[in-house]
């Protein structure tokens, strides 16, 4: 008897648990301050209850931070921990470092970042920032309109329930990508559906 591939097991589990779809992609952000803070502050954070309201408030209170340059100008004169109402020095440092790196590479807008992330060398450069791993690189891509699978604890738990456990990040991401192709779903939309199931989320991540 042939053993189903990890992708096939994931695809079958998606159909059993989530149905046929269609699934909706996450909205993301057009405000670069929100993009940077989302990826910097979200690890080990309840997104819907804790982070998303703070990102919406940041977007409203720092409208000029819609570009990387505007965000860095705000950081030069104001305390991000106060603006985010999130006193976490390491997360603040990550946001500052991401902003500095993007500025150094000439990335200022959402469209700039979406295009920039299409090059492997740039994705590798982003990973040089302390606190940014492969999941964060895939996640920030989804925040600016790319279609990627960012494997977090919810996607790992869903995969384990499907009988796909213990794969390294890149292999599990590839299995989800293949499962999306098998089912005819957009990669980011499938990922978001699995994430919402695991997180018990009501609203999607981000806001355009």
N, C-alpha and C. Protein backbone atom coordinates (compact mmCIF):
# COMPACT_ATOMS: atom_id res chain seq x y z
N UNK A 1 0.85 -1.20 0.00
CA UNK A 1 0.00 0.00 0.00
C UNK A 1 0.88 1.25 0.00
N UNK A 2 0.59 2.19 -0.89
CA UNK A 2 1.38 3.41 -0.99
C UNK A 2 1.00 4.37 0.14
N UNK A 3 2.02 4.90 0.81
CA UNK A 3 1.79 5.86 1.90
C UNK A 3 1.59 7.24 1.29
N UNK A 4 0.50 7.93 1.63
CA UNK A 4 0.28 9.27 1.07
C UNK A 4 1.42 10.22 1.43
N UNK A 5 1.71 11.14 0.53
CA UNK A 5 2.75 12.13 0.79
C UNK A 5 2.28 13.09 1.87
N UNK A 6 3.21 13.83 2.49
CA UNK A 6 2.79 14.84 3.46
C UNK A 6 1.79 15.83 2.88
N UNK A 7 2.01 16.24 1.64
CA UNK A 7 1.08 17.19 1.02
C UNK A 7 -0.30 16.59 0.85
N UNK A 8 -0.36 15.35 0.44
CA UNK A 8 -1.65 14.70 0.26
C UNK A 8 -2.38 14.55 1.60
N UNK A 9 -1.62 14.20 2.66
CA UNK A 9 -2.24 14.09 3.98
C UNK A 9 -2.76 15.44 4.46
N UNK A 10 -2.00 16.50 4.21
CA UNK A 10 -2.46 17.83 4.58
C UNK A 10 -3.70 18.21 3.78
N UNK A 11 -3.68 17.94 2.48
CA UNK A 11 -4.83 18.28 1.64
C UNK A 11 -6.09 17.55 2.10
N UNK A 12 -5.95 16.27 2.40
CA UNK A 12 -7.11 15.50 2.87
C UNK A 12 -7.63 16.04 4.19
N UNK A 13 -6.70 16.43 5.08
CA UNK A 13 -7.10 16.95 6.39
C UNK A 13 -7.79 18.31 6.24
N UNK A 14 -7.30 19.14 5.33
CA UNK A 14 -7.95 20.42 5.06
C UNK A 14 -9.39 20.19 4.63
N UNK A 15 -9.60 19.27 3.72
CA UNK A 15 -10.96 19.00 3.24
C UNK A 15 -11.86 18.47 4.35
N UNK A 16 -11.31 17.60 5.21
CA UNK A 16 -12.11 17.05 6.32
C UNK A 16 -12.48 18.12 7.34
N UNK A 17 -11.52 18.97 7.69
CA UNK A 17 -11.71 19.91 8.80
C UNK A 17 -12.25 21.26 8.34
N UNK A 18 -11.75 21.75 7.21
CA UNK A 18 -12.08 23.11 6.77
C UNK A 18 -13.03 23.16 5.58
N UNK A 19 -13.24 22.02 4.95
CA UNK A 19 -14.15 21.99 3.80
C UNK A 19 -13.46 22.39 2.50
N UNK A 20 -14.28 22.73 1.53
CA UNK A 20 -13.79 23.00 0.18
C UNK A 20 -13.38 24.46 -0.05
N UNK A 21 -13.68 25.33 0.90
CA UNK A 21 -13.40 26.75 0.69
C UNK A 21 -14.59 27.43 0.00
N UNK A 22 -14.40 28.56 -0.67
CA UNK A 22 -13.09 29.21 -0.89
C UNK A 22 -12.57 29.85 0.39
N UNK A 23 -11.25 30.02 0.45
CA UNK A 23 -10.60 30.63 1.58
C UNK A 23 -10.12 32.03 1.19
N UNK A 24 -10.14 32.93 2.16
CA UNK A 24 -9.79 34.33 1.92
C UNK A 24 -8.38 34.63 2.37
N UNK A 25 -7.63 35.33 1.55
CA UNK A 25 -6.28 35.74 1.92
C UNK A 25 -6.33 36.78 3.03
N UNK A 26 -5.28 36.85 3.87
CA UNK A 26 -5.22 37.91 4.89
C UNK A 26 -5.12 39.27 4.22
N UNK A 27 -5.70 40.27 4.87
CA UNK A 27 -5.74 41.60 4.26
C UNK A 27 -4.40 42.30 4.21
N UNK A 28 -3.58 42.10 5.24
CA UNK A 28 -2.31 42.81 5.29
C UNK A 28 -2.49 44.28 5.64
N UNK A 29 -1.47 45.08 5.35
CA UNK A 29 -1.48 46.50 5.67
C UNK A 29 -0.87 47.29 4.51
N UNK A 30 -1.33 48.52 4.32
CA UNK A 30 -0.64 49.43 3.41
C UNK A 30 0.28 50.36 4.19
N UNK A 31 0.08 50.44 5.50
CA UNK A 31 0.84 51.30 6.40
C UNK A 31 2.10 50.56 6.84
N UNK A 32 3.28 51.07 6.43
CA UNK A 32 4.51 50.33 6.69
C UNK A 32 4.87 50.26 8.17
N UNK A 33 4.47 51.26 8.95
CA UNK A 33 4.68 51.16 10.39
C UNK A 33 3.93 49.97 10.96
N UNK A 34 2.70 49.76 10.49
CA UNK A 34 1.91 48.61 10.94
C UNK A 34 2.53 47.31 10.47
N UNK A 35 3.02 47.27 9.23
CA UNK A 35 3.67 46.06 8.71
C UNK A 35 4.86 45.68 9.59
N UNK A 36 5.72 46.65 9.84
CA UNK A 36 6.94 46.39 10.61
C UNK A 36 6.62 45.99 12.04
N UNK A 37 5.66 46.67 12.65
CA UNK A 37 5.31 46.35 14.03
C UNK A 37 4.57 45.02 14.12
N UNK A 38 3.77 44.70 13.11
CA UNK A 38 3.06 43.42 13.10
C UNK A 38 4.07 42.28 13.16
N UNK A 39 5.03 42.27 12.26
CA UNK A 39 5.99 41.16 12.23
C UNK A 39 6.92 41.17 13.43
N UNK A 40 7.17 42.33 14.00
CA UNK A 40 8.09 42.45 15.14
C UNK A 40 7.45 42.06 16.45
N UNK A 41 6.17 42.40 16.63
CA UNK A 41 5.52 42.20 17.92
C UNK A 41 4.71 40.91 18.02
N UNK A 42 4.41 40.26 16.85
CA UNK A 42 3.47 39.15 16.90
C UNK A 42 3.97 37.85 17.53
N UNK A 43 5.28 37.55 17.58
CA UNK A 43 5.66 36.27 18.18
C UNK A 43 5.15 36.12 19.62
N UNK A 44 4.54 34.97 19.90
CA UNK A 44 4.04 34.64 21.24
C UNK A 44 3.07 35.71 21.76
N UNK A 45 2.24 36.22 20.86
CA UNK A 45 1.28 37.25 21.23
C UNK A 45 -0.10 36.87 20.69
N UNK A 46 -1.13 37.08 21.49
CA UNK A 46 -2.49 36.84 21.02
C UNK A 46 -2.84 37.93 20.01
N UNK A 47 -2.92 37.54 18.75
CA UNK A 47 -3.04 38.54 17.69
C UNK A 47 -4.33 39.35 17.79
N UNK A 48 -5.46 38.66 17.83
CA UNK A 48 -6.73 39.37 17.78
C UNK A 48 -6.99 40.20 19.03
N UNK A 49 -6.66 39.65 20.19
CA UNK A 49 -6.98 40.35 21.44
C UNK A 49 -5.96 41.42 21.80
N UNK A 50 -4.69 41.17 21.48
CA UNK A 50 -3.64 42.05 21.97
C UNK A 50 -3.01 42.91 20.89
N UNK A 51 -2.62 42.29 19.78
CA UNK A 51 -1.81 43.03 18.81
C UNK A 51 -2.63 43.82 17.80
N UNK A 52 -3.62 43.21 17.21
CA UNK A 52 -4.34 43.90 16.14
C UNK A 52 -4.93 45.24 16.58
N UNK A 53 -5.55 45.35 17.77
CA UNK A 53 -6.05 46.67 18.18
C UNK A 53 -4.94 47.72 18.30
N UNK A 54 -3.76 47.30 18.73
CA UNK A 54 -2.65 48.24 18.85
C UNK A 54 -2.14 48.69 17.47
N UNK A 55 -2.17 47.78 16.51
CA UNK A 55 -1.74 48.14 15.16
C UNK A 55 -2.73 49.11 14.51
N UNK A 56 -4.01 48.89 14.73
CA UNK A 56 -5.01 49.81 14.21
C UNK A 56 -4.85 51.19 14.84
N UNK A 57 -4.55 51.21 16.14
CA UNK A 57 -4.35 52.49 16.83
C UNK A 57 -3.08 53.18 16.32
N UNK A 58 -2.01 52.42 16.09
CA UNK A 58 -0.78 53.01 15.56
C UNK A 58 -1.02 53.61 14.19
N UNK A 59 -1.76 52.90 13.37
CA UNK A 59 -2.05 53.39 12.02
C UNK A 59 -2.80 54.71 12.07
N UNK A 60 -3.72 54.85 13.03
CA UNK A 60 -4.50 56.07 13.16
C UNK A 60 -3.70 57.21 13.79
N UNK A 61 -2.86 56.88 14.76
CA UNK A 61 -2.14 57.94 15.49
C UNK A 61 -0.84 58.36 14.81
N UNK A 62 -0.27 57.49 13.98
CA UNK A 62 0.94 57.80 13.22
C UNK A 62 0.66 57.68 11.73
N UNK A 63 -0.23 58.50 11.17
CA UNK A 63 -0.56 58.36 9.74
C UNK A 63 0.63 58.61 8.83
N UNK A 64 1.57 59.45 9.29
CA UNK A 64 2.75 59.76 8.49
C UNK A 64 3.76 58.62 8.49
N UNK A 65 3.53 57.58 9.29
CA UNK A 65 4.42 56.42 9.32
C UNK A 65 3.98 55.36 8.31
N UNK A 66 3.24 55.77 7.30
CA UNK A 66 2.78 54.83 6.27
C UNK A 66 3.92 54.39 5.36
N UNK A 67 5.04 55.12 5.39
CA UNK A 67 6.26 54.73 4.68
C UNK A 67 7.34 54.40 5.69
N UNK A 68 8.37 53.69 5.24
CA UNK A 68 9.49 53.38 6.14
C UNK A 68 10.17 54.66 6.61
N UNK A 69 10.35 55.60 5.70
CA UNK A 69 11.00 56.86 6.09
C UNK A 69 10.16 57.61 7.12
N UNK A 70 8.84 57.62 6.94
CA UNK A 70 7.97 58.28 7.91
C UNK A 70 7.99 57.58 9.26
N UNK A 71 8.02 56.27 9.22
CA UNK A 71 8.08 55.48 10.46
C UNK A 71 9.38 55.78 11.21
N UNK A 72 10.49 55.83 10.48
CA UNK A 72 11.79 56.11 11.12
C UNK A 72 11.83 57.52 11.69
N UNK A 73 11.17 58.46 11.04
CA UNK A 73 11.11 59.82 11.57
C UNK A 73 10.36 59.85 12.89
N UNK A 74 9.29 59.10 12.99
CA UNK A 74 8.55 59.01 14.25
C UNK A 74 9.41 58.36 15.33
N UNK A 75 10.14 57.29 14.96
CA UNK A 75 10.98 56.60 15.93
C UNK A 75 12.08 57.51 16.48
N UNK A 76 12.48 58.50 15.69
CA UNK A 76 13.55 59.40 16.13
C UNK A 76 13.09 60.36 17.22
N UNK A 77 11.77 60.56 17.32
CA UNK A 77 11.27 61.55 18.27
C UNK A 77 10.28 61.00 19.29
N UNK A 78 9.78 59.79 19.06
CA UNK A 78 8.76 59.23 19.95
C UNK A 78 9.11 57.81 20.36
N UNK A 79 8.51 57.37 21.44
CA UNK A 79 8.77 56.05 22.01
C UNK A 79 7.78 55.04 21.43
N UNK A 80 8.29 54.07 20.67
CA UNK A 80 7.41 53.09 20.04
C UNK A 80 6.69 52.24 21.08
N UNK A 81 7.35 51.93 22.18
CA UNK A 81 6.71 51.14 23.23
C UNK A 81 5.47 51.86 23.78
N UNK A 82 5.56 53.19 23.89
CA UNK A 82 4.42 53.97 24.36
C UNK A 82 3.33 54.01 23.30
N UNK A 83 3.74 54.24 22.04
CA UNK A 83 2.76 54.31 20.95
C UNK A 83 2.01 52.99 20.79
N UNK A 84 2.73 51.88 20.97
CA UNK A 84 2.11 50.56 20.84
C UNK A 84 1.48 50.08 22.14
N UNK A 85 1.74 50.79 23.25
CA UNK A 85 1.29 50.34 24.57
C UNK A 85 1.74 48.90 24.81
N UNK A 86 3.01 48.67 24.47
CA UNK A 86 3.57 47.32 24.50
C UNK A 86 5.02 47.45 24.95
N UNK A 87 5.24 47.29 26.24
CA UNK A 87 6.57 47.52 26.81
C UNK A 87 7.42 46.26 26.70
N UNK A 88 8.07 46.11 25.55
CA UNK A 88 8.89 44.93 25.30
C UNK A 88 10.12 45.39 24.50
N UNK A 89 11.23 45.55 25.20
CA UNK A 89 12.42 46.17 24.60
C UNK A 89 12.92 45.38 23.38
N UNK A 90 12.87 44.05 23.44
CA UNK A 90 13.40 43.26 22.31
C UNK A 90 12.54 43.44 21.06
N UNK A 91 11.23 43.47 21.22
CA UNK A 91 10.35 43.65 20.08
C UNK A 91 10.50 45.04 19.48
N UNK A 92 10.66 46.04 20.33
CA UNK A 92 10.90 47.40 19.85
C UNK A 92 12.22 47.45 19.07
N UNK A 93 13.25 46.78 19.59
CA UNK A 93 14.54 46.76 18.92
C UNK A 93 14.45 46.07 17.56
N UNK A 94 13.64 45.01 17.48
CA UNK A 94 13.46 44.32 16.20
C UNK A 94 12.79 45.24 15.18
N UNK A 95 11.77 45.97 15.61
CA UNK A 95 11.08 46.89 14.71
C UNK A 95 12.04 47.97 14.20
N UNK A 96 12.84 48.51 15.09
CA UNK A 96 13.82 49.52 14.68
C UNK A 96 14.82 48.96 13.68
N UNK A 97 15.30 47.75 13.94
CA UNK A 97 16.31 47.13 13.08
C UNK A 97 15.74 46.81 11.70
N UNK A 98 14.50 46.34 11.65
CA UNK A 98 13.87 46.07 10.35
C UNK A 98 13.72 47.36 9.56
N UNK A 99 13.26 48.41 10.23
CA UNK A 99 13.10 49.70 9.56
C UNK A 99 14.44 50.21 9.02
N UNK A 100 15.48 50.09 9.81
CA UNK A 100 16.81 50.55 9.37
C UNK A 100 17.30 49.74 8.17
N UNK A 101 17.11 48.41 8.22
CA UNK A 101 17.57 47.57 7.13
C UNK A 101 16.81 47.89 5.84
N UNK A 102 15.50 48.03 5.93
CA UNK A 102 14.72 48.35 4.74
C UNK A 102 15.13 49.69 4.16
N UNK A 103 15.35 50.66 5.04
CA UNK A 103 15.79 51.97 4.57
C UNK A 103 17.14 51.87 3.86
N UNK A 104 18.05 51.11 4.42
CA UNK A 104 19.37 50.94 3.80
C UNK A 104 19.28 50.31 2.41
N UNK A 105 18.21 49.52 2.19
CA UNK A 105 18.02 48.85 0.89
C UNK A 105 17.07 49.62 -0.02
N UNK A 106 16.73 50.83 0.35
CA UNK A 106 15.89 51.65 -0.51
C UNK A 106 14.42 51.25 -0.54
N UNK A 107 13.97 50.51 0.47
CA UNK A 107 12.57 50.08 0.55
C UNK A 107 11.80 51.09 1.39
N UNK A 108 10.75 51.70 0.79
CA UNK A 108 10.02 52.73 1.53
C UNK A 108 8.52 52.44 1.62
N UNK A 109 7.94 51.78 0.62
CA UNK A 109 6.50 51.57 0.58
C UNK A 109 6.16 50.08 0.58
N UNK A 110 4.87 49.79 0.72
CA UNK A 110 4.38 48.41 0.64
C UNK A 110 4.77 47.77 -0.69
N UNK A 111 4.58 48.52 -1.78
CA UNK A 111 4.92 47.97 -3.09
C UNK A 111 6.42 47.70 -3.20
N UNK A 112 7.23 48.61 -2.64
CA UNK A 112 8.68 48.39 -2.64
C UNK A 112 9.01 47.07 -1.94
N UNK A 113 8.41 46.85 -0.78
CA UNK A 113 8.74 45.67 0.02
C UNK A 113 8.25 44.40 -0.67
N UNK A 114 7.07 44.46 -1.26
CA UNK A 114 6.54 43.28 -1.95
C UNK A 114 7.48 42.86 -3.08
N UNK A 115 7.98 43.82 -3.83
CA UNK A 115 8.91 43.52 -4.92
C UNK A 115 10.26 43.06 -4.38
N UNK A 116 10.75 43.73 -3.36
CA UNK A 116 12.07 43.43 -2.77
C UNK A 116 12.13 42.02 -2.24
N UNK A 117 11.04 41.54 -1.67
CA UNK A 117 11.01 40.20 -1.10
C UNK A 117 11.00 39.10 -2.16
N UNK A 118 10.88 39.48 -3.42
CA UNK A 118 10.92 38.50 -4.49
C UNK A 118 12.32 38.00 -4.79
N UNK A 119 13.34 38.57 -4.16
CA UNK A 119 14.73 38.17 -4.40
C UNK A 119 15.27 37.45 -3.16
N UNK A 120 15.84 36.28 -3.37
CA UNK A 120 16.30 35.46 -2.26
C UNK A 120 17.36 36.17 -1.42
N UNK A 121 18.23 36.93 -2.07
CA UNK A 121 19.28 37.64 -1.34
C UNK A 121 18.68 38.64 -0.35
N UNK A 122 17.57 39.25 -0.73
CA UNK A 122 16.93 40.22 0.16
C UNK A 122 16.23 39.52 1.33
N UNK A 123 15.64 38.37 1.05
CA UNK A 123 15.05 37.59 2.14
C UNK A 123 16.12 37.16 3.14
N UNK A 124 17.29 36.80 2.62
CA UNK A 124 18.40 36.43 3.50
C UNK A 124 18.87 37.64 4.31
N UNK A 125 18.88 38.81 3.69
CA UNK A 125 19.30 40.03 4.40
C UNK A 125 18.35 40.32 5.55
N UNK A 126 17.06 40.13 5.32
CA UNK A 126 16.08 40.38 6.38
C UNK A 126 16.30 39.45 7.56
N UNK A 127 16.76 38.25 7.28
CA UNK A 127 16.99 37.28 8.36
C UNK A 127 18.22 37.63 9.20
N UNK A 128 19.02 38.58 8.78
CA UNK A 128 20.16 39.00 9.61
C UNK A 128 19.71 39.83 10.80
N UNK A 129 18.47 40.31 10.77
CA UNK A 129 17.93 41.07 11.90
C UNK A 129 17.63 40.12 13.05
N UNK A 130 18.12 40.43 14.23
CA UNK A 130 17.86 39.60 15.39
C UNK A 130 16.37 39.53 15.67
N UNK A 131 15.85 38.30 15.80
CA UNK A 131 14.43 38.11 16.05
C UNK A 131 13.63 37.80 14.79
N UNK A 132 14.29 37.83 13.63
CA UNK A 132 13.60 37.53 12.37
C UNK A 132 14.07 36.17 11.86
N UNK A 133 13.17 35.20 11.85
CA UNK A 133 13.48 33.87 11.33
C UNK A 133 12.75 33.62 10.03
N UNK A 134 12.80 32.40 9.52
CA UNK A 134 12.15 32.11 8.24
C UNK A 134 10.64 32.34 8.26
N UNK A 135 9.99 32.05 9.38
CA UNK A 135 8.55 32.28 9.47
C UNK A 135 8.24 33.76 9.35
N UNK A 136 9.05 34.61 10.00
CA UNK A 136 8.81 36.05 9.95
C UNK A 136 8.97 36.59 8.53
N UNK A 137 9.94 36.05 7.78
CA UNK A 137 10.15 36.50 6.41
C UNK A 137 8.93 36.15 5.54
N UNK A 138 8.42 34.93 5.69
CA UNK A 138 7.22 34.55 4.94
C UNK A 138 6.01 35.35 5.39
N UNK A 139 5.92 35.59 6.68
CA UNK A 139 4.78 36.31 7.24
C UNK A 139 4.73 37.76 6.75
N UNK A 140 5.87 38.43 6.74
CA UNK A 140 5.87 39.82 6.31
C UNK A 140 5.52 39.93 4.83
N UNK A 141 5.87 38.87 4.06
CA UNK A 141 5.46 38.86 2.67
C UNK A 141 3.95 38.87 2.52
N UNK A 142 3.27 38.07 3.31
CA UNK A 142 1.80 38.05 3.27
C UNK A 142 1.21 39.39 3.69
N UNK A 143 1.86 40.09 4.59
CA UNK A 143 1.36 41.38 5.06
C UNK A 143 1.38 42.44 3.97
N UNK A 144 2.21 42.24 2.94
CA UNK A 144 2.30 43.24 1.86
C UNK A 144 1.80 42.68 0.53
N UNK A 145 1.01 41.61 0.59
CA UNK A 145 0.32 41.15 -0.60
C UNK A 145 0.94 40.02 -1.38
N UNK A 146 2.04 39.45 -0.87
CA UNK A 146 2.58 38.26 -1.50
C UNK A 146 1.74 37.05 -1.06
N UNK A 147 1.92 35.92 -1.69
CA UNK A 147 1.19 34.71 -1.30
C UNK A 147 2.19 33.66 -0.86
N UNK A 148 2.34 33.52 0.45
CA UNK A 148 3.35 32.64 1.02
C UNK A 148 2.75 31.88 2.19
N UNK A 149 3.43 30.82 2.59
CA UNK A 149 3.01 30.04 3.76
C UNK A 149 3.99 30.31 4.89
N UNK A 150 3.50 30.90 5.95
CA UNK A 150 4.32 31.16 7.14
C UNK A 150 3.93 30.12 8.19
N UNK A 151 4.82 29.19 8.44
CA UNK A 151 4.51 28.07 9.33
C UNK A 151 4.71 28.47 10.79
N UNK A 152 3.60 28.54 11.52
CA UNK A 152 3.68 28.85 12.95
C UNK A 152 3.17 27.66 13.76
N UNK A 153 2.95 27.87 15.05
CA UNK A 153 2.54 26.77 15.92
C UNK A 153 1.19 26.19 15.50
N UNK A 154 0.31 27.04 14.98
CA UNK A 154 -1.01 26.56 14.58
C UNK A 154 -0.90 25.66 13.34
N UNK A 155 -0.06 26.03 12.39
CA UNK A 155 0.11 25.21 11.20
C UNK A 155 0.83 23.91 11.53
N UNK A 156 1.75 23.96 12.50
CA UNK A 156 2.43 22.73 12.91
C UNK A 156 1.44 21.79 13.62
N UNK A 157 0.59 22.33 14.46
CA UNK A 157 -0.39 21.50 15.17
C UNK A 157 -1.38 20.88 14.19
N UNK A 158 -1.81 21.66 13.21
CA UNK A 158 -2.74 21.15 12.19
C UNK A 158 -2.07 20.02 11.40
N UNK A 159 -0.80 20.22 11.06
CA UNK A 159 -0.06 19.20 10.32
C UNK A 159 0.10 17.93 11.15
N UNK A 160 0.38 18.10 12.43
CA UNK A 160 0.53 16.93 13.30
C UNK A 160 -0.77 16.14 13.35
N UNK A 161 -1.91 16.84 13.41
CA UNK A 161 -3.20 16.16 13.42
C UNK A 161 -3.44 15.41 12.11
N UNK A 162 -2.80 15.90 11.04
CA UNK A 162 -2.93 15.25 9.74
C UNK A 162 -1.95 14.09 9.57
N UNK A 163 -1.13 13.87 10.59
CA UNK A 163 -0.13 12.81 10.51
C UNK A 163 1.17 13.25 9.89
N UNK A 164 1.38 14.59 9.87
CA UNK A 164 2.61 15.15 9.31
C UNK A 164 3.31 15.90 10.44
N UNK A 165 4.22 15.22 11.08
CA UNK A 165 4.90 15.81 12.23
C UNK A 165 6.41 15.70 12.06
N UNK A 166 7.11 16.63 12.69
CA UNK A 166 8.56 16.54 12.77
C UNK A 166 9.32 17.04 11.56
N UNK A 167 8.63 17.63 10.58
CA UNK A 167 9.35 18.14 9.41
C UNK A 167 10.02 19.47 9.74
N UNK A 168 11.21 19.73 9.20
CA UNK A 168 11.82 21.05 9.37
C UNK A 168 10.99 22.11 8.66
N UNK A 169 11.24 23.36 9.00
CA UNK A 169 10.41 24.47 8.52
C UNK A 169 10.22 24.44 7.00
N UNK A 170 11.33 24.37 6.26
CA UNK A 170 11.25 24.49 4.80
C UNK A 170 10.44 23.34 4.20
N UNK A 171 10.60 22.13 4.73
CA UNK A 171 9.87 20.98 4.17
C UNK A 171 8.38 21.06 4.49
N UNK A 172 8.05 21.53 5.69
CA UNK A 172 6.63 21.64 6.02
C UNK A 172 5.99 22.76 5.20
N UNK A 173 6.70 23.86 5.03
CA UNK A 173 6.18 24.94 4.17
C UNK A 173 5.93 24.41 2.75
N UNK A 174 6.88 23.65 2.22
CA UNK A 174 6.72 23.10 0.87
C UNK A 174 5.53 22.14 0.80
N UNK A 175 5.30 21.37 1.88
CA UNK A 175 4.16 20.45 1.90
C UNK A 175 2.85 21.23 1.87
N UNK A 176 2.78 22.33 2.61
CA UNK A 176 1.57 23.16 2.57
C UNK A 176 1.39 23.78 1.19
N UNK A 177 2.48 24.24 0.58
CA UNK A 177 2.38 24.82 -0.76
C UNK A 177 1.86 23.79 -1.76
N UNK A 178 2.35 22.56 -1.66
CA UNK A 178 1.90 21.50 -2.55
C UNK A 178 0.45 21.14 -2.27
N UNK A 179 0.07 21.13 -1.00
CA UNK A 179 -1.33 20.85 -0.65
C UNK A 179 -2.25 21.91 -1.25
N UNK A 180 -1.84 23.17 -1.19
CA UNK A 180 -2.64 24.24 -1.79
C UNK A 180 -2.81 24.01 -3.29
N UNK A 181 -1.73 23.60 -3.95
CA UNK A 181 -1.80 23.32 -5.39
C UNK A 181 -2.73 22.15 -5.67
N UNK A 182 -2.66 21.11 -4.86
CA UNK A 182 -3.51 19.94 -5.05
C UNK A 182 -4.99 20.31 -4.95
N UNK A 183 -5.30 21.25 -4.04
CA UNK A 183 -6.69 21.63 -3.79
C UNK A 183 -7.14 22.82 -4.63
N UNK A 184 -6.20 23.44 -5.34
CA UNK A 184 -6.55 24.60 -6.14
C UNK A 184 -6.78 25.87 -5.34
N UNK A 185 -6.10 25.97 -4.19
CA UNK A 185 -6.25 27.15 -3.34
C UNK A 185 -5.01 28.04 -3.43
N UNK A 186 -5.21 29.32 -3.23
CA UNK A 186 -4.09 30.24 -3.06
C UNK A 186 -3.33 29.86 -1.79
N UNK A 187 -1.99 29.91 -1.85
CA UNK A 187 -1.18 29.47 -0.72
C UNK A 187 -1.47 30.28 0.54
N UNK A 188 -1.47 31.61 0.42
CA UNK A 188 -1.71 32.44 1.60
C UNK A 188 -3.13 32.25 2.14
N UNK A 189 -4.09 32.04 1.24
CA UNK A 189 -5.47 31.84 1.70
C UNK A 189 -5.61 30.53 2.47
N UNK A 190 -4.97 29.48 1.98
CA UNK A 190 -5.00 28.20 2.70
C UNK A 190 -4.31 28.33 4.05
N UNK A 191 -3.14 28.96 4.05
CA UNK A 191 -2.43 29.17 5.32
C UNK A 191 -3.29 29.92 6.32
N UNK A 192 -3.97 30.99 5.83
CA UNK A 192 -4.77 31.82 6.73
C UNK A 192 -5.96 31.04 7.27
N UNK A 193 -6.55 30.18 6.45
CA UNK A 193 -7.67 29.37 6.92
C UNK A 193 -7.23 28.42 8.02
N UNK A 194 -6.07 27.81 7.84
CA UNK A 194 -5.53 26.91 8.87
C UNK A 194 -5.20 27.70 10.13
N UNK A 195 -4.59 28.88 9.96
CA UNK A 195 -4.24 29.71 11.11
C UNK A 195 -5.50 30.12 11.89
N UNK A 196 -6.53 30.56 11.17
CA UNK A 196 -7.78 30.97 11.84
C UNK A 196 -8.40 29.80 12.60
N UNK A 197 -8.34 28.62 12.02
CA UNK A 197 -8.86 27.43 12.70
C UNK A 197 -8.10 27.18 13.99
N UNK A 198 -6.79 27.25 13.93
CA UNK A 198 -5.96 26.98 15.11
C UNK A 198 -6.06 28.05 16.17
N UNK A 199 -6.15 29.30 15.72
CA UNK A 199 -6.18 30.42 16.66
C UNK A 199 -7.58 30.72 17.18
N UNK A 200 -8.60 30.13 16.54
CA UNK A 200 -9.97 30.45 16.91
C UNK A 200 -10.28 31.90 16.60
N UNK A 201 -9.67 32.43 15.52
CA UNK A 201 -9.79 33.85 15.19
C UNK A 201 -11.10 34.14 14.51
N UNK A 202 -11.63 35.30 14.82
CA UNK A 202 -12.85 35.73 14.15
C UNK A 202 -12.55 36.56 12.92
N UNK A 203 -11.67 37.55 13.07
CA UNK A 203 -11.34 38.42 11.95
C UNK A 203 -9.97 38.07 11.42
N UNK A 204 -9.74 38.42 10.16
CA UNK A 204 -8.46 38.13 9.54
C UNK A 204 -7.37 39.05 10.05
N UNK A 205 -6.13 38.61 9.88
CA UNK A 205 -5.00 39.43 10.29
C UNK A 205 -4.89 40.65 9.41
N UNK A 206 -4.61 41.77 10.03
CA UNK A 206 -4.31 42.97 9.27
C UNK A 206 -5.54 43.68 8.76
N UNK A 207 -5.31 44.84 8.22
CA UNK A 207 -6.38 45.65 7.65
C UNK A 207 -5.79 46.50 6.56
N UNK A 208 -6.36 46.41 5.38
CA UNK A 208 -5.86 47.23 4.25
C UNK A 208 -6.19 48.68 4.49
